[in-house]
Protein backbone atom coordinates (compact mmCIF):
# COMPACT_ATOMS: atom_id res chain seq x y z
CA UNK A 1 51.17 -1.99 -30.59
CA UNK A 2 47.85 -1.84 -32.45
CA UNK A 3 47.89 -5.62 -32.77
CA UNK A 4 48.29 -6.02 -28.99
CA UNK A 5 45.33 -3.66 -28.38
CA UNK A 6 43.09 -5.63 -30.78
CA UNK A 7 44.09 -8.89 -29.09
CA UNK A 8 43.25 -7.42 -25.65
CA UNK A 9 39.83 -6.26 -26.88
CA UNK A 10 39.07 -9.74 -28.22
CA UNK A 11 39.90 -11.34 -24.86
CA UNK A 12 37.71 -8.82 -23.00
CA UNK A 13 34.82 -9.44 -25.36
CA UNK A 14 35.14 -13.22 -24.95
CA UNK A 15 35.16 -12.96 -21.15
CA UNK A 16 32.14 -10.62 -21.17
CA UNK A 17 30.14 -12.98 -23.38
CA UNK A 18 31.17 -15.93 -21.20
CA UNK A 19 30.09 -14.08 -18.02
CA UNK A 20 26.73 -13.21 -19.57
CA UNK A 21 26.09 -16.82 -20.61
CA UNK A 22 27.02 -18.07 -17.15
CA UNK A 23 24.69 -15.48 -15.60
CA UNK A 24 21.79 -16.63 -17.80
CA UNK A 25 22.43 -20.32 -17.18
CA UNK A 26 22.37 -19.85 -13.41
CA UNK A 27 18.77 -18.66 -13.59
CA UNK A 28 19.65 -15.15 -12.52
CA UNK A 29 17.96 -13.50 -15.44
CA UNK A 30 16.21 -10.19 -14.85
CA UNK A 31 12.82 -11.96 -15.15
CA UNK A 32 13.32 -13.47 -11.69
CA UNK A 33 13.26 -9.99 -10.14
CA UNK A 34 9.86 -8.97 -11.50
CA UNK A 35 7.21 -8.11 -8.94
CA UNK A 36 4.33 -10.53 -8.52
CA UNK A 37 0.94 -10.05 -6.91
CA UNK A 38 0.55 -13.79 -6.37
CA UNK A 39 3.39 -14.65 -3.97
CA UNK A 40 4.87 -13.84 -0.57
CA UNK A 41 8.07 -12.27 -1.88
CA UNK A 42 9.20 -8.75 -1.05
CA UNK A 43 8.84 -6.53 -4.11
CA UNK A 44 8.80 -3.06 -2.54
CA UNK A 45 6.02 -0.74 -1.37
CA UNK A 46 2.82 -2.70 -2.03
CA UNK A 47 0.67 0.43 -2.15
CA UNK A 48 2.78 1.89 -4.95
CA UNK A 49 3.22 -1.40 -6.83
CA UNK A 50 -0.18 -3.05 -6.56
CA UNK A 51 -2.61 -0.28 -5.63
CA UNK A 52 -1.14 2.52 -7.71
CA UNK A 53 -1.13 4.72 -4.61
CA UNK A 54 2.26 5.36 -3.09
CA UNK A 55 0.87 8.41 -1.28
CA UNK A 56 -0.48 6.20 1.52
CA UNK A 57 2.97 5.32 2.85
CA UNK A 58 4.33 6.80 5.02
CA UNK A 59 1.15 8.02 6.71
CA UNK A 60 0.75 11.79 6.89
CA UNK A 61 -0.42 11.80 10.52
CA UNK A 62 -0.05 9.53 13.52
CA UNK A 63 -2.87 7.83 15.36
CA UNK A 64 -2.36 10.19 18.31
CA UNK A 65 -2.61 13.25 16.02
CA UNK A 66 -5.82 11.91 14.49
CA UNK A 67 -7.39 11.31 17.88
CA UNK A 68 -6.38 14.82 19.00
CA UNK A 69 -7.99 16.33 15.87
CA UNK A 70 -11.15 14.21 16.38
CA UNK A 71 -10.86 12.85 12.85
CA UNK A 72 -11.99 9.33 11.88
CA UNK A 73 -9.21 6.86 11.11
CA UNK A 74 -8.73 3.84 8.89
CA UNK A 75 -5.78 1.97 10.42
CA UNK A 76 -4.31 -0.94 8.45
CA UNK A 77 -1.51 -3.21 9.61
CA UNK A 78 0.37 -4.84 6.72
CA UNK A 79 3.69 -6.27 5.56
CA UNK A 80 5.17 -5.84 2.10
CA UNK A 81 5.93 -9.54 1.62
CA UNK A 82 2.46 -10.99 2.13
CA UNK A 83 0.19 -12.25 -0.65
CA UNK A 84 -2.91 -11.22 1.34
CA UNK A 85 -1.57 -7.72 2.00
CA UNK A 86 -0.65 -7.27 -1.66
CA UNK A 87 -4.20 -8.21 -2.66
CA UNK A 88 -5.75 -6.00 0.03
CA UNK A 89 -3.69 -2.89 -0.80
CA UNK A 90 -5.99 -2.06 -3.72
CA UNK A 91 -9.04 -2.16 -1.40
CA UNK A 92 -7.39 0.37 0.92
CA UNK A 93 -6.55 2.58 -2.05
CA UNK A 94 -10.12 2.37 -3.39
CA UNK A 95 -11.45 3.41 0.04
CA UNK A 96 -9.18 6.44 0.05
CA UNK A 97 -10.89 7.84 -3.04
CA UNK A 98 -14.24 8.69 -1.37
CA UNK A 99 -13.05 8.98 2.25
CA UNK A 100 -9.46 10.23 2.04
CA UNK A 101 -10.25 13.87 2.77
CA UNK A 102 -12.67 13.17 5.61
CA UNK A 103 -10.69 10.43 7.38
CA UNK A 104 -7.03 9.78 8.04
CA UNK A 105 -5.62 6.66 6.40
CA UNK A 106 -2.81 5.18 8.46
CA UNK A 107 -1.13 2.08 7.00
CA UNK A 108 1.35 0.69 9.53
CA UNK A 109 4.07 -1.81 8.64
CA UNK A 110 3.50 -4.56 11.22
CA UNK A 111 7.24 -5.13 11.52
CA UNK A 112 7.65 -1.53 12.72
CA UNK A 113 5.35 -1.94 15.74
CA UNK A 114 7.71 -1.91 18.74
CA UNK A 115 7.53 -4.88 21.06
CA UNK A 116 6.56 -3.57 24.51
CA UNK A 117 4.81 -4.86 27.61
CA UNK A 118 2.05 -2.28 27.29
CA UNK A 119 0.91 0.42 24.90
CA UNK A 120 -1.05 3.64 25.22
CA UNK A 121 -4.47 3.89 23.53
CA UNK A 122 -2.89 6.34 21.07
CA UNK A 123 -0.27 3.83 19.90
CA UNK A 124 -1.02 1.46 17.00
CA UNK A 125 0.56 -1.43 18.90
CA UNK A 126 -2.34 -1.33 21.37
CA UNK A 127 -4.69 -2.54 18.62
CA UNK A 128 -2.40 -4.93 16.73
CA UNK A 129 -3.40 -8.60 17.09
CA UNK A 130 -0.45 -10.06 15.18
CA UNK A 131 -2.37 -10.85 11.98
CA UNK A 132 -1.94 -9.06 8.67
CA UNK A 133 -3.72 -7.45 7.07
CA UNK A 134 -5.70 -6.09 10.00
CA UNK A 135 -8.14 -3.22 9.46
CA UNK A 136 -9.58 -0.93 12.10
CA UNK A 137 -11.97 1.99 11.73
CA UNK A 138 -12.15 4.59 14.49
CA UNK A 139 -14.88 7.19 14.80
CA UNK A 140 -14.35 10.88 15.64
CA UNK A 141 -14.22 10.06 19.37
CA UNK A 142 -11.42 7.52 18.86
CA UNK A 143 -13.66 4.51 19.46
CA UNK A 144 -13.14 1.33 17.43
CA UNK A 145 -16.22 0.72 15.27
CA UNK A 146 -14.66 -1.95 13.02
CA UNK A 147 -11.85 -4.43 13.62
CA UNK A 148 -11.20 -7.30 11.22
CA UNK A 149 -8.20 -9.50 10.49
CA UNK A 150 -7.43 -10.83 7.04
CA UNK A 151 -8.59 -9.54 3.70
CA UNK A 152 -11.87 -7.73 4.11
CA UNK A 153 -14.23 -6.69 1.33
CA UNK A 154 -14.53 -3.09 0.26
CA UNK A 155 -18.22 -3.11 1.20
CA UNK A 156 -17.55 -4.26 4.79
CA UNK A 157 -15.17 -1.38 5.46
CA UNK A 158 -17.37 1.02 3.47
CA UNK A 159 -20.34 0.08 5.68
CA UNK A 160 -18.30 0.93 8.79
CA UNK A 161 -17.19 4.25 7.32
CA UNK A 162 -20.77 5.07 6.28
CA UNK A 163 -21.79 4.50 9.89
CA UNK A 164 -19.01 6.80 11.15
CA UNK A 165 -20.01 9.59 8.74
CA UNK A 166 -23.75 8.97 9.20
CA UNK A 167 -24.23 8.33 5.48
CA UNK A 168 -27.13 6.51 3.91
CA UNK A 169 -26.70 2.78 3.30
CA UNK A 170 -25.26 1.90 -0.10
CA UNK A 171 -28.65 0.64 -1.31
CA UNK A 172 -30.22 4.07 -0.68
CA UNK A 173 -27.48 6.35 -1.98
CA UNK A 174 -25.80 7.14 -5.24
CA UNK A 175 -22.61 5.27 -5.98
CA UNK A 176 -19.54 7.27 -5.02
CA UNK A 177 -17.40 7.60 -8.14
CA UNK A 178 -14.11 9.30 -8.71
CA UNK A 179 -13.76 11.77 -11.56
CA UNK A 180 -11.63 10.36 -14.41
CA UNK A 181 -8.01 11.42 -14.08
CA UNK A 182 -7.41 11.98 -17.79
CA UNK A 183 -10.41 14.25 -18.18
CA UNK A 184 -9.77 17.27 -20.38
CA UNK A 185 -10.70 20.55 -18.75
CA UNK A 186 -11.88 22.94 -21.47
CA UNK A 187 -12.76 25.73 -19.04
CA UNK A 188 -9.13 26.76 -18.65
CA UNK A 189 -8.40 26.88 -22.36
CA UNK A 190 -9.29 30.25 -23.91
CA UNK A 191 -8.17 31.54 -27.22
C-alpha cells in the first residue's frame, strides 16, 4: 500500500514538472504579464499604475454636479490601453496636487461615453472629439477655457488653470510644491 502511494506521488511530481516546463517553453512566463509604460497594452487603471494616484478614478463628482456647484473642472478623456494616455496620466496627477481642492478632476474613460445623436452641455460626450487623451478646463461658469487633444505639457494646462483662478503667471509667482509625504511630524509627539 505504501509502495503504491509513493509511486503515485512520483507520477504526480513528474507531470507537474512537465506541465511547468511546457508552460515556460510556450512563452507564457509571468514576465509577459508585467505592466509597461511604453506600449498600447491594457495593464489596468493607468492612474494607479503609472501616476501613483488611483484616487482619480472613478471621479468623485459628475460634470453636471461641478457645473451646478460653480466649481472649475479639469476633464480628461482617456483609455487604459493607450501609450499616450499612460504617459499623460502622471501630468494629470501632478496637476491634482496644487489644484485638486479648488477644482474637480474628472477623468472619463472614452469607451464609456455613450454613443448618442446629441448630448446636453452637462454631459462629457458633448465635448469629446474622439481623440485620447483630450483635456478640457472649464471655469466657474462652465465655459471651456482650454481644449487640447493629445499629450499636453503640464505648463500648458497649468497656465489655463492659473487663468481660471486668477493667479499670477508662473514667472511671477513662487513654485507650487507639495509637502513631502514621509515628513516626520514632531508636534504630535510629546513625552
